[in-house]
Amino acid sequence: MTLPSELFVDGRWRPSSAGDRLTLINPATEEPFAEVAAAHLKDLHAAVESAHRAWESGWRDLTPGKRTEILFSVARALRAQAEEIAQMESQNIGKPISDARDEAGLGARVFEYYAGALATFGGQTLPVARGGFDYTLRVPMGVIAAIVPWNFPFPIACWKVAPALAAGNCVVLKPASLSPLTALRLGEIAHGAGLPPGVLQVLPGAGATLGEALATHPLIRKISFTGSTAVGARLMALAAGDLKRVSLELGGKSPNIVCADADWERAADSSPMSVFANTGQDCCARSRLFVERPIYERFLERFVDATRKLVVGDPRQSTTQLGPMVSAGQRESVEAYLREARQSGRSVAAGGGRPQPKGYYLEPTVLLGVEPADRCWREEIFGPVVCVRPFDDEAALLAEVNASPYGLSGSLWTNDLRRALRLARRIESGVLSVNSHSSVHVEAPFGGFKQSGLGRDLGLTALEGYTELKNIYVAE
């Protein structure tokens, strides 16, 4: 497997103008395994201008049928290269290979969905009071900057790039410095499958420098960002200079609520992976676990037992459920939360240690006795840590759930339909699953309330978010 090592600009590989390189570390071995060119501002300007030329010279005017054909071709090419993409992702960020394979397939499915969606996506004809003919158009914006995180690099890149391209935009894709490989391969595969040169540019490099330059570049019409709330707020402030459109999918502190009338055994068995999957490095992680008091002790015993049975190990093995964390710094950040919790007298019911000396591994950890004022309860830890608290009544539960500044995802377990509808309506989150832990569906909008962001990825809503709505009136 040959790994990408340069920038992907104007349909071909290019070195960095400054010659700088990013060194990539395998989180499972702590050893460097690749170097990738790091873009500088000169490279960014060249990429944005190339994307703008590609948009003006034909991509925006390509018929929906032709864009559909190209996007289906990209999807087929991604499926053909899925194993290579999965192996690359697993090595780059320590993702278990079974998860990486699922995500490679998800990326292809996203391109298939938006290729097919173009057949039904359009404007309206509207009756207006003064007569004549009024209609609306969905028109492409221009050049989109897509900035993606390191925790799900390939699928998130696909679910930003595919709808933006389908809508007739060109894209400058900025992957995270820790995880540039599959984004670079996406650019290469897409152009090999028929995407014209310049329509998709891929620029690894320093996040702060490139992100701020994209947010202020006059040819960028929209910023689509997934990452931390702090960085999202910074990009939004910068984009306000020329009123760029923004969509932001940011942090989360999602609840997992288990009511006494639920199938609590099934909830206990499945809930560990709702927070510990991807080693807890997931903005949708159900890291606040609320259990109704009558079942609290029984649920907790079963949940802790299921947590201890999770397989932590070599991401190359198909039986591995949890791999290492992405970096030494990320693991140290999580361990700082655990030290503070222990110093405050909180108890560790499971995990909390390093299971092996090599690799950035951390055991899935269950914290008990946590109070709402604790940092580990309030803040996004972004690691394999769950805090568990009992609850007694709905009013207090809702107050505590909604006290979080975040509102991205969550789960609600109950067999009472009226209770499910009542709570689901009042829980402040953009995505909620009842008797499930599923957050992402290609066909449905995904995004958050409050400090979890604005705008939506996925579904037809994402297509709308990459277009401007134009109204045209024709007089009789």
Protein backbone atom coordinates (compact mmCIF):
# COMPACT_ATOMS: atom_id res chain seq x y z
CA MET A 1 0.00 0.00 0.00
CA THR A 2 1.53 3.29 -1.17
CA LEU A 3 0.60 6.15 1.13
CA PRO A 4 -0.14 9.67 -0.15
CA SER A 5 2.67 12.09 0.64
CA GLU A 6 1.92 15.37 -1.19
CA LEU A 7 -0.82 17.97 -1.52
CA PHE A 8 -3.62 17.28 -4.00
CA VAL A 9 -4.19 20.48 -6.02
CA ASP A 10 -5.75 20.97 -9.44
CA GLY A 11 -6.13 17.25 -9.99
CA ARG A 12 -2.52 16.26 -9.32
CA TRP A 13 0.04 15.78 -6.56
CA ARG A 14 2.13 18.80 -5.61
CA PRO A 15 4.82 19.38 -2.99
CA SER A 16 4.41 22.07 -0.36
CA SER A 17 5.67 25.45 -1.52
CA ALA A 18 7.74 25.69 1.68
CA GLY A 19 8.85 22.07 1.69
CA ASP A 20 7.45 21.41 5.17
CA ARG A 21 6.25 17.94 6.18
CA LEU A 22 3.88 16.43 8.75
CA THR A 23 5.15 13.33 10.53
CA LEU A 24 2.42 10.76 11.19
CA ILE A 25 2.58 8.50 14.25
CA ASN A 26 0.88 5.11 14.48
CA PRO A 27 -1.04 5.35 17.80
CA ALA A 28 -0.85 1.59 18.35
CA THR A 29 2.95 1.48 18.17
CA GLU A 30 3.93 5.09 18.96
CA GLU A 31 6.22 4.89 15.92
CA PRO A 32 6.36 7.28 12.92
CA PHE A 33 5.21 5.59 9.72
CA ALA A 34 4.72 8.31 7.09
CA GLU A 35 5.31 11.93 6.15
CA VAL A 36 2.90 14.19 4.30
CA ALA A 37 3.43 17.63 2.79
CA ALA A 38 2.16 20.53 4.91
CA ALA A 39 0.44 23.27 2.91
CA HIS A 40 1.26 26.92 3.43
CA LEU A 41 -0.67 30.06 2.54
CA LYS A 42 0.78 30.16 -0.98
CA ASP A 43 -0.54 26.64 -1.57
CA LEU A 44 -3.92 27.55 -0.12
CA HIS A 45 -4.35 30.56 -2.38
CA ALA A 46 -3.40 28.47 -5.42
CA ALA A 47 -5.91 25.78 -4.44
CA VAL A 48 -8.77 28.21 -3.83
CA GLU A 49 -8.14 30.04 -7.10
CA SER A 50 -7.97 26.73 -8.98
CA ALA A 51 -11.27 25.64 -7.40
CA HIS A 52 -12.88 28.96 -8.33
CA ARG A 53 -11.72 28.60 -11.96
CA ALA A 54 -13.10 25.06 -12.09
CA TRP A 55 -16.44 26.30 -10.74
CA GLU A 56 -16.70 29.20 -13.18
CA SER A 57 -15.48 27.24 -16.19
CA GLY A 58 -18.08 24.51 -16.08
CA TRP A 59 -18.74 22.58 -12.87
CA ARG A 60 -21.55 24.88 -11.72
CA ASP A 61 -23.24 24.61 -15.14
CA LEU A 62 -22.89 20.85 -15.51
CA THR A 63 -26.29 19.22 -15.83
CA PRO A 64 -27.60 17.33 -12.78
CA GLY A 65 -27.56 14.16 -14.87
CA LYS A 66 -23.85 14.51 -15.59
CA ARG A 67 -23.03 15.27 -11.94
CA THR A 68 -25.06 12.22 -10.96
CA GLU A 69 -23.05 10.07 -13.35
CA ILE A 70 -19.74 11.32 -11.97
CA LEU A 71 -20.76 10.92 -8.32
CA PHE A 72 -21.91 7.34 -8.93
CA SER A 73 -18.55 6.70 -10.61
CA VAL A 74 -16.77 8.08 -7.52
CA ALA A 75 -18.87 5.80 -5.29
CA ARG A 76 -17.94 2.72 -7.35
CA ALA A 77 -14.27 3.65 -7.20
CA LEU A 78 -14.45 4.13 -3.43
CA ARG A 79 -16.03 0.70 -3.02
CA ALA A 80 -13.27 -0.82 -5.13
CA GLN A 81 -10.65 0.79 -2.89
CA ALA A 82 -12.52 0.31 0.41
CA GLU A 83 -10.06 -2.17 1.95
CA GLU A 84 -7.09 0.05 1.22
CA ILE A 85 -8.92 3.06 2.69
CA ALA A 86 -9.78 1.05 5.82
CA GLN A 87 -6.21 -0.20 6.31
CA MET A 88 -4.87 3.33 5.87
CA GLU A 89 -7.33 4.77 8.39
CA SER A 90 -6.60 2.06 10.94
CA GLN A 91 -2.87 2.66 10.75
CA ASN A 92 -3.20 6.45 10.80
CA ILE A 93 -5.49 6.91 13.83
CA GLY A 94 -5.65 3.50 15.53
CA LYS A 95 -9.24 2.80 14.52
CA PRO A 96 -10.21 -0.89 14.85
CA ILE A 97 -10.15 -2.40 11.37
CA SER A 98 -13.76 -3.60 11.56
CA ASP A 99 -14.89 -0.01 12.25
CA ALA A 100 -12.61 1.37 9.54
CA ARG A 101 -14.16 -1.03 7.00
CA ASP A 102 -17.66 0.07 7.98
CA GLU A 103 -16.66 3.71 7.60
CA ALA A 104 -15.07 3.14 4.18
CA GLY A 105 -18.36 1.63 3.04
CA LEU A 106 -20.28 4.52 4.59
CA GLY A 107 -18.25 7.02 2.59
CA ALA A 108 -19.17 5.28 -0.67
CA ARG A 109 -22.82 5.12 0.38
CA VAL A 110 -22.85 8.88 1.00
CA PHE A 111 -21.73 9.51 -2.59
CA GLU A 112 -24.39 7.09 -3.84
CA TYR A 113 -27.09 8.85 -1.84
CA TYR A 114 -26.29 12.32 -3.15
CA ALA A 115 -25.86 11.05 -6.69
CA GLY A 116 -29.41 9.69 -6.51
CA ALA A 117 -30.82 12.66 -4.60
CA LEU A 118 -30.14 15.04 -7.47
CA ALA A 119 -33.08 13.56 -9.37
CA THR A 120 -35.52 14.98 -6.80
CA PHE A 121 -33.70 18.11 -5.62
CA GLY A 122 -34.90 21.46 -6.94
CA GLY A 123 -37.06 24.52 -6.46
CA GLN A 124 -40.77 25.28 -6.47
CA THR A 125 -43.37 27.07 -8.54
CA LEU A 126 -45.39 29.48 -6.43
CA PRO A 127 -48.78 31.14 -6.99
CA VAL A 128 -48.43 34.85 -6.19
CA ALA A 129 -51.16 37.43 -5.61
CA ARG A 130 -50.36 39.70 -8.53
CA GLY A 131 -50.41 36.91 -11.12
CA GLY A 132 -47.59 35.98 -13.43
CA PHE A 133 -45.21 33.12 -12.80
CA ASP A 134 -42.98 32.78 -9.75
CA TYR A 135 -40.43 30.05 -9.22
CA THR A 136 -37.44 29.29 -7.02
CA LEU A 137 -34.05 27.83 -7.87
CA ARG A 138 -31.41 26.18 -5.73
CA VAL A 139 -28.13 27.56 -7.08
CA PRO A 140 -24.59 26.56 -6.07
CA MET A 141 -22.59 28.93 -3.87
CA GLY A 142 -19.12 28.60 -5.37
CA VAL A 143 -16.06 27.36 -3.48
CA ILE A 144 -16.74 25.57 -0.19
CA ALA A 145 -14.11 25.08 2.53
CA ALA A 146 -14.65 21.74 4.28
CA ILE A 147 -12.65 21.34 7.50
CA VAL A 148 -12.83 17.85 9.01
CA PRO A 149 -11.64 16.30 12.31
CA TRP A 150 -9.34 13.40 13.10
CA ASN A 151 -11.83 11.09 14.83
CA PHE A 152 -13.88 10.07 11.74
CA PRO A 153 -11.71 11.46 8.94
CA PHE A 154 -13.03 9.56 5.93
CA PRO A 155 -16.81 9.47 6.45
CA ILE A 156 -17.03 13.10 7.58
CA ALA A 157 -14.96 14.20 4.58
CA CYS A 158 -17.39 12.30 2.34
CA TRP A 159 -20.53 13.70 3.93
CA LYS A 160 -19.25 17.25 3.40
CA VAL A 161 -17.71 16.81 -0.05
CA ALA A 162 -20.47 14.72 -1.68
CA PRO A 163 -23.45 17.07 -1.12
CA ALA A 164 -21.33 20.15 -1.87
CA LEU A 165 -20.25 18.66 -5.22
CA ALA A 166 -23.75 17.39 -5.98
CA ALA A 167 -25.12 20.90 -5.51
CA GLY A 168 -22.62 22.25 -8.06
CA ASN A 169 -19.90 23.67 -5.80
CA CYS A 170 -16.17 23.07 -5.78
CA VAL A 171 -14.46 22.09 -2.52
CA VAL A 172 -11.20 22.80 -0.72
CA LEU A 173 -10.90 19.98 1.82
CA LYS A 174 -8.74 20.59 4.90
CA PRO A 175 -8.13 17.35 6.85
CA ALA A 176 -6.83 17.34 10.40
CA SER A 177 -3.04 17.32 10.71
CA LEU A 178 -3.16 13.99 12.56
CA SER A 179 -5.25 12.21 9.91
CA PRO A 180 -4.68 13.45 6.34
CA LEU A 181 -4.22 10.17 4.47
CA THR A 182 -7.74 9.09 3.54
CA ALA A 183 -8.74 12.64 2.57
CA LEU A 184 -5.82 12.74 0.15
CA ARG A 185 -6.80 9.35 -1.24
CA LEU A 186 -10.38 10.59 -1.63
CA GLY A 187 -9.16 13.44 -3.81
CA GLU A 188 -7.10 11.12 -5.98
CA ILE A 189 -9.84 8.49 -6.33
CA ALA A 190 -12.54 11.08 -7.11
CA HIS A 191 -10.55 12.67 -9.90
CA GLY A 192 -9.58 9.29 -11.26
CA ALA A 193 -13.31 8.46 -11.40
CA GLY A 194 -14.12 11.49 -13.55
CA LEU A 195 -14.16 14.56 -11.32
CA PRO A 196 -12.64 17.44 -13.35
CA PRO A 197 -9.32 18.92 -12.17
CA GLY A 198 -9.73 21.62 -9.54
CA VAL A 199 -13.20 20.59 -8.37
CA LEU A 200 -11.80 18.96 -5.21
CA GLN A 201 -8.57 20.16 -3.60
CA VAL A 202 -7.03 18.52 -0.49
CA LEU A 203 -4.68 20.52 1.74
CA PRO A 204 -3.12 18.98 4.87
CA GLY A 205 -1.31 21.41 7.12
CA ALA A 206 -1.47 23.50 10.26
CA GLY A 207 -5.10 23.83 11.32
CA ALA A 208 -4.96 27.31 12.82
CA THR A 209 -3.12 28.89 9.88
CA LEU A 210 -5.06 27.25 7.07
CA GLY A 211 -8.43 27.34 8.83
CA GLU A 212 -8.23 31.07 9.50
CA ALA A 213 -7.06 31.76 5.94
CA LEU A 214 -10.01 29.80 4.52
CA ALA A 215 -12.44 31.62 6.80
CA THR A 216 -11.25 35.00 5.51
CA HIS A 217 -10.51 34.20 1.85
CA PRO A 218 -12.74 36.31 -0.43
CA LEU A 219 -13.39 33.45 -2.87
CA ILE A 220 -14.66 31.05 -0.19
CA ARG A 221 -18.46 31.24 0.04
CA LYS A 222 -19.07 28.80 2.91
CA ILE A 223 -17.20 27.11 5.75
CA SER A 224 -18.38 23.62 6.71
CA PHE A 225 -16.57 22.63 9.90
CA THR A 226 -16.64 19.68 12.28
CA GLY A 227 -14.54 19.98 15.41
CA SER A 228 -14.34 21.66 18.79
CA THR A 229 -16.75 24.34 19.95
CA ALA A 230 -13.90 26.77 20.62
CA VAL A 231 -12.51 26.50 17.09
CA GLY A 232 -16.02 26.64 15.60
CA ALA A 233 -16.70 29.90 17.42
CA ARG A 234 -13.41 31.33 16.14
CA LEU A 235 -14.18 30.38 12.54
CA MET A 236 -17.68 31.83 12.81
CA ALA A 237 -16.27 35.14 14.03
CA LEU A 238 -13.77 35.25 11.17
CA ALA A 239 -16.40 34.30 8.58
CA ALA A 240 -18.59 37.19 9.75
CA GLY A 241 -16.18 39.62 8.08
CA ASP A 242 -17.79 39.06 4.69
CA LEU A 243 -20.89 37.17 5.89
CA LYS A 244 -19.75 33.76 4.71
CA ARG A 245 -22.24 30.99 5.24
CA VAL A 246 -21.18 28.58 7.97
CA SER A 247 -22.27 25.18 9.19
CA LEU A 248 -20.72 23.92 12.40
CA GLU A 249 -20.92 20.47 13.97
CA LEU A 250 -19.19 20.92 17.31
CA GLY A 251 -18.82 19.37 20.74
CA GLY A 252 -21.22 17.22 22.68
CA LYS A 253 -21.96 15.84 26.12
CA SER A 254 -24.76 13.52 25.14
CA PRO A 255 -27.12 11.86 27.63
CA ASN A 256 -28.09 8.22 27.79
CA ILE A 257 -31.36 7.98 29.76
CA VAL A 258 -32.58 4.59 30.95
CA CYS A 259 -36.07 4.51 32.48
CA ALA A 260 -37.24 1.80 34.85
CA ASP A 261 -39.92 0.62 32.40
CA ALA A 262 -37.36 0.05 29.62
CA ASP A 263 -35.79 -3.19 28.44
CA TRP A 264 -32.94 -2.22 30.73
CA GLU A 265 -30.96 -5.44 30.25
CA ARG A 266 -30.63 -4.71 26.53
CA ALA A 267 -29.78 -1.11 27.33
CA ALA A 268 -27.07 -2.19 29.79
CA ASP A 269 -25.52 -4.60 27.30
CA SER A 270 -25.47 -2.10 24.43
CA SER A 271 -24.70 1.13 26.27
CA PRO A 272 -20.94 0.62 26.75
CA MET A 273 -20.34 0.96 23.01
CA SER A 274 -22.55 4.07 22.92
CA VAL A 275 -19.81 5.90 24.80
CA PHE A 276 -16.64 3.83 24.37
CA ALA A 277 -16.79 3.17 20.61
CA ASN A 278 -13.91 4.89 18.81
CA THR A 279 -12.26 4.93 22.26
CA GLY A 280 -14.74 7.62 23.32
CA GLN A 281 -13.40 10.05 20.73
CA ASP A 282 -16.84 10.87 19.42
CA CYS A 283 -18.90 14.04 19.81
CA CYS A 284 -22.02 11.82 20.02
CA ALA A 285 -20.61 9.68 22.85
CA ARG A 286 -23.30 9.08 25.51
CA SER A 287 -20.94 10.16 28.29
CA ARG A 288 -23.66 11.16 30.81
CA LEU A 289 -25.59 8.06 31.85
CA PHE A 290 -28.87 8.67 33.73
CA VAL A 291 -30.52 5.57 35.24
CA GLU A 292 -33.88 5.63 37.03
CA ARG A 293 -33.35 4.73 40.67
CA PRO A 294 -35.51 1.54 40.92
CA ILE A 295 -33.20 -0.24 38.43
CA TYR A 296 -30.00 1.68 39.17
CA GLU A 297 -28.05 -1.00 41.07
CA ARG A 298 -29.02 -3.87 38.75
CA PHE A 299 -28.37 -1.83 35.65
CA LEU A 300 -25.00 -0.62 36.93
CA GLU A 301 -23.81 -4.13 37.74
CA ARG A 302 -24.68 -5.37 34.25
CA PHE A 303 -23.28 -2.25 32.54
CA VAL A 304 -19.95 -2.50 34.38
CA ASP A 305 -19.70 -6.20 33.56
CA ALA A 306 -20.30 -5.47 29.86
CA THR A 307 -17.68 -2.70 29.96
CA ARG A 308 -15.06 -5.02 31.41
CA LYS A 309 -15.66 -7.51 28.59
CA LEU A 310 -14.85 -5.02 25.83
CA VAL A 311 -11.81 -6.07 23.81
CA VAL A 312 -9.09 -3.40 23.86
CA GLY A 313 -6.11 -4.11 21.66
CA ASP A 314 -4.39 -4.17 18.29
CA PRO A 315 -6.57 -2.26 15.79
CA ARG A 316 -5.45 -4.62 13.02
CA GLN A 317 -7.33 -7.52 14.62
CA SER A 318 -10.96 -8.00 13.58
CA THR A 319 -11.94 -8.94 17.16
CA THR A 320 -10.71 -5.62 18.60
CA GLN A 321 -13.50 -3.29 19.72
CA LEU A 322 -11.42 -0.42 21.13
CA GLY A 323 -8.07 0.69 19.77
CA PRO A 324 -5.65 3.27 21.14
CA MET A 325 -6.38 6.96 21.50
CA VAL A 326 -5.19 9.10 18.63
CA SER A 327 -2.19 10.66 20.37
CA ALA A 328 -0.22 10.88 23.59
CA GLY A 329 -1.59 14.37 24.15
CA GLN A 330 -5.19 13.26 23.82
CA ARG A 331 -4.68 10.42 26.31
CA GLU A 332 -2.98 12.77 28.77
CA SER A 333 -5.91 15.18 28.51
CA VAL A 334 -8.35 12.41 29.43
CA GLU A 335 -6.15 11.17 32.27
CA ALA A 336 -6.13 14.70 33.74
CA TYR A 337 -9.93 14.50 34.07
CA LEU A 338 -9.61 11.12 35.79
CA ARG A 339 -7.01 12.39 38.25
CA GLU A 340 -9.24 15.32 39.17
CA ALA A 341 -12.24 13.02 39.64
CA ARG A 342 -10.27 10.72 41.95
CA GLN A 343 -8.95 13.68 43.95
CA SER A 344 -12.57 14.82 44.41
CA GLY A 345 -13.48 11.43 45.88
CA ARG A 346 -15.31 10.00 42.86
CA SER A 347 -15.12 6.25 42.54
CA VAL A 348 -13.95 4.26 39.53
CA ALA A 349 -16.15 1.22 38.98
CA ALA A 350 -14.13 -0.02 36.00
CA GLY A 351 -11.04 0.92 34.01
CA GLY A 352 -9.01 4.06 34.38
CA GLY A 353 -5.61 2.60 33.62
CA ARG A 354 -3.28 1.91 30.74
CA PRO A 355 -3.77 -1.72 29.69
CA GLN A 356 -0.36 -2.08 28.04
CA PRO A 357 2.95 -0.22 27.98
CA LYS A 358 3.09 0.45 24.23
CA GLY A 359 0.52 2.44 22.29
CA TYR A 360 -1.79 5.24 23.43
CA TYR A 361 -4.27 2.86 25.06
CA LEU A 362 -6.63 3.73 27.90
CA GLU A 363 -9.13 1.40 29.53
CA PRO A 364 -12.85 2.25 29.25
CA THR A 365 -13.68 3.96 32.54
CA VAL A 366 -16.89 4.16 34.58
CA LEU A 367 -17.10 7.00 37.15
CA LEU A 368 -19.63 6.96 40.01
CA GLY A 369 -20.63 9.52 42.62
CA VAL A 370 -20.16 12.35 40.16
CA GLU A 371 -21.87 15.68 40.91
CA PRO A 372 -23.30 18.10 38.31
CA ALA A 373 -20.65 20.70 39.17
CA ASP A 374 -17.76 18.32 38.39
CA ARG A 375 -15.73 19.06 35.27
CA CYS A 376 -15.95 15.45 34.16
CA TRP A 377 -19.77 15.76 34.15
CA ARG A 378 -19.94 19.18 32.48
CA GLU A 379 -17.15 19.14 29.91
CA GLU A 380 -16.54 17.05 26.82
CA ILE A 381 -13.74 14.66 27.78
CA PHE A 382 -13.40 13.09 24.32
CA GLY A 383 -12.11 9.82 25.66
CA PRO A 384 -13.36 6.49 27.06
CA VAL A 385 -15.04 7.86 30.20
CA VAL A 386 -18.69 7.68 31.27
CA CYS A 387 -20.24 9.29 34.35
CA VAL A 388 -23.28 7.57 35.88
CA ARG A 389 -26.00 9.15 38.03
CA PRO A 390 -29.42 7.97 39.22
CA PHE A 391 -32.59 10.02 38.68
CA ASP A 392 -35.97 10.01 40.43
CA ASP A 393 -38.42 12.12 38.44
CA GLU A 394 -38.84 13.55 34.95
CA ALA A 395 -38.76 17.23 35.87
CA ALA A 396 -35.42 16.97 37.65
CA LEU A 397 -34.08 14.72 34.88
CA LEU A 398 -34.96 17.18 32.13
CA ALA A 399 -33.49 20.08 34.07
CA GLU A 400 -30.20 18.22 34.49
CA VAL A 401 -30.07 16.90 30.92
CA ASN A 402 -30.75 20.33 29.43
CA ALA A 403 -28.40 22.18 31.80
CA SER A 404 -25.53 21.22 29.48
CA PRO A 405 -24.39 23.91 27.03
CA TYR A 406 -24.27 21.13 24.42
CA GLY A 407 -27.13 19.49 22.56
CA LEU A 408 -25.92 17.14 19.87
CA SER A 409 -27.20 13.61 20.38
CA GLY A 410 -28.50 11.17 22.97
CA SER A 411 -30.47 8.04 23.74
CA LEU A 412 -33.72 7.47 25.60
CA TRP A 413 -34.75 3.99 26.78
CA THR A 414 -38.40 3.45 27.68
CA ASN A 415 -41.28 1.18 26.66
CA ASP A 416 -43.88 3.83 27.50
CA LEU A 417 -44.79 5.48 24.19
CA ARG A 418 -46.31 8.55 25.80
CA ARG A 419 -43.23 9.03 27.97
CA ALA A 420 -40.96 8.59 24.95
CA LEU A 421 -42.80 11.25 22.97
CA ARG A 422 -42.98 13.62 25.94
CA LEU A 423 -39.28 13.41 26.81
CA ALA A 424 -38.06 13.31 23.20
CA ARG A 425 -39.85 16.59 22.50
CA ARG A 426 -38.28 18.32 25.51
CA ILE A 427 -34.71 17.05 25.42
CA GLU A 428 -32.58 19.74 23.83
CA SER A 429 -30.59 17.90 21.18
CA GLY A 430 -30.43 17.85 17.42
CA VAL A 431 -30.47 14.05 17.26
CA LEU A 432 -32.13 11.60 19.66
CA SER A 433 -32.55 7.83 19.49
CA VAL A 434 -35.31 5.98 21.33
CA ASN A 435 -34.35 2.44 22.43
CA SER A 436 -31.23 2.72 20.27
CA HIS A 437 -27.82 4.38 20.18
CA SER A 438 -27.80 5.27 16.50
CA SER A 439 -26.94 8.90 15.73
CA VAL A 440 -26.03 8.94 12.05
CA HIS A 441 -28.25 8.08 9.09
CA VAL A 442 -27.17 9.12 5.61
CA GLU A 443 -30.77 9.97 4.71
CA ALA A 444 -31.50 12.13 7.80
CA PRO A 445 -30.14 15.50 8.98
CA PHE A 446 -27.37 15.44 11.58
CA GLY A 447 -26.35 18.35 13.79
CA GLY A 448 -26.83 20.00 17.15
CA PHE A 449 -28.49 22.62 19.32
CA LYS A 450 -26.80 25.31 21.43
CA GLN A 451 -22.99 25.04 21.54
CA SER A 452 -23.08 21.81 19.55
CA GLY A 453 -23.32 23.91 16.41
CA LEU A 454 -25.62 25.10 13.67
CA GLY A 455 -26.62 23.84 10.26
CA ARG A 456 -26.91 20.17 9.36
CA ASP A 457 -24.90 17.48 7.60
CA LEU A 458 -26.49 14.56 5.72
CA GLY A 459 -29.96 14.12 4.28
CA LEU A 460 -31.51 16.49 1.76
CA THR A 461 -31.05 19.26 4.33
CA ALA A 462 -27.30 19.20 3.64
CA LEU A 463 -27.92 19.74 -0.08
CA GLU A 464 -30.01 22.78 0.78
CA GLY A 465 -27.18 24.04 2.97
CA TYR A 466 -24.78 24.09 0.02
CA THR A 467 -27.05 26.23 -2.16
CA GLU A 468 -28.50 29.70 -2.22
CA LEU A 469 -32.26 30.01 -2.69
CA LYS A 470 -33.13 32.30 -5.61
CA ASN A 471 -36.65 33.55 -6.32
CA ILE A 472 -37.59 34.59 -9.88
CA TYR A 473 -40.80 36.37 -10.85
CA VAL A 474 -41.96 36.57 -14.47
CA ALA A 475 -44.74 39.09 -15.13
CA GLU A 476 -47.62 38.27 -17.47
